[in-house]
């Protein structure tokens, strides 16, 4: 279970690192407000999907 929990944490950290990198490289802060909102919405959805998938693995590991 520790391994799957670590994968969950690292998955979210990696996703956030990539998103922050894209945010900075694409200069999202200086783009129109609508572009910023779309970026954050996609980032949030990707985080939610990542957590859902990896948390399912943690739950399955707990049952074993």
Protein backbone atom coordinates (compact mmCIF):
# COMPACT_ATOMS: atom_id res chain seq x y z
CA UNK A 1 0.00 0.00 0.00
CA UNK A 2 2.87 2.40 0.68
CA UNK A 3 4.03 2.05 -2.90
CA UNK A 4 0.62 2.87 -4.36
CA UNK A 5 0.21 5.82 -1.98
CA UNK A 6 3.61 7.11 -3.05
CA UNK A 7 2.55 6.72 -6.68
CA UNK A 8 -0.56 8.79 -5.94
CA UNK A 9 1.45 11.59 -4.36
CA UNK A 10 4.15 11.55 -7.04
CA UNK A 11 1.54 11.44 -9.80
CA UNK A 12 -0.09 14.62 -8.54
CA UNK A 13 3.26 16.32 -7.94
CA UNK A 14 4.44 15.43 -11.44
CA UNK A 15 1.18 16.60 -13.01
CA UNK A 16 1.41 19.90 -11.12
CA UNK A 17 5.05 20.36 -12.11
CA UNK A 18 4.19 19.85 -15.78
CA UNK A 19 1.17 22.17 -15.56
CA UNK A 20 3.19 24.89 -13.85
CA UNK A 21 5.91 24.51 -16.48
CA UNK A 22 3.37 24.87 -19.29
CA UNK A 23 1.79 27.83 -17.46
CA UNK A 24 5.11 29.61 -17.31
CA UNK A 25 6.38 28.66 -20.79
CA UNK A 26 3.09 29.56 -22.47
CA UNK A 27 2.91 32.78 -20.44
CA UNK A 28 -0.69 32.03 -19.46
CA UNK A 29 -0.64 34.83 -16.86
CA UNK A 30 -0.52 37.41 -19.66
CA UNK A 31 -3.12 35.81 -21.89
CA UNK A 32 -6.80 36.74 -21.98
CA UNK A 33 -8.86 35.85 -18.91
CA UNK A 34 -10.81 33.20 -20.84
CA UNK A 35 -7.58 31.39 -21.76
CA UNK A 36 -6.53 31.40 -18.11
CA UNK A 37 -9.88 29.95 -17.05
CA UNK A 38 -9.70 27.19 -19.66
CA UNK A 39 -6.14 26.33 -18.63
CA UNK A 40 -7.09 26.05 -14.96
CA UNK A 41 -10.21 24.02 -15.81
CA UNK A 42 -8.18 21.52 -17.85
CA UNK A 43 -5.53 21.35 -15.11
CA UNK A 44 -8.20 20.74 -12.48
CA UNK A 45 -9.89 18.04 -14.56
CA UNK A 46 -6.55 16.32 -15.21
CA UNK A 47 -5.79 16.39 -11.49
CA UNK A 48 -9.20 14.95 -10.62
CA UNK A 49 -8.81 12.13 -13.15
CA UNK A 50 -5.28 11.38 -11.95
CA UNK A 51 -6.39 11.25 -8.32
CA UNK A 52 -9.42 9.09 -9.12
CA UNK A 53 -7.37 6.52 -11.02
CA UNK A 54 -4.49 6.38 -8.55
CA UNK A 55 -6.74 6.45 -5.49
CA UNK A 56 -8.57 3.42 -6.87
CA UNK A 57 -5.23 1.60 -6.93
CA UNK A 58 -4.62 2.57 -3.30
CA UNK A 59 -8.03 1.24 -2.31
CA UNK A 60 -7.42 -2.03 -4.15
CA UNK A 61 -4.05 -2.37 -2.43
CA UNK A 62 -5.69 -1.89 0.98
CA UNK A 63 -8.01 -4.84 0.31
CA UNK A 64 -5.11 -7.20 -0.31
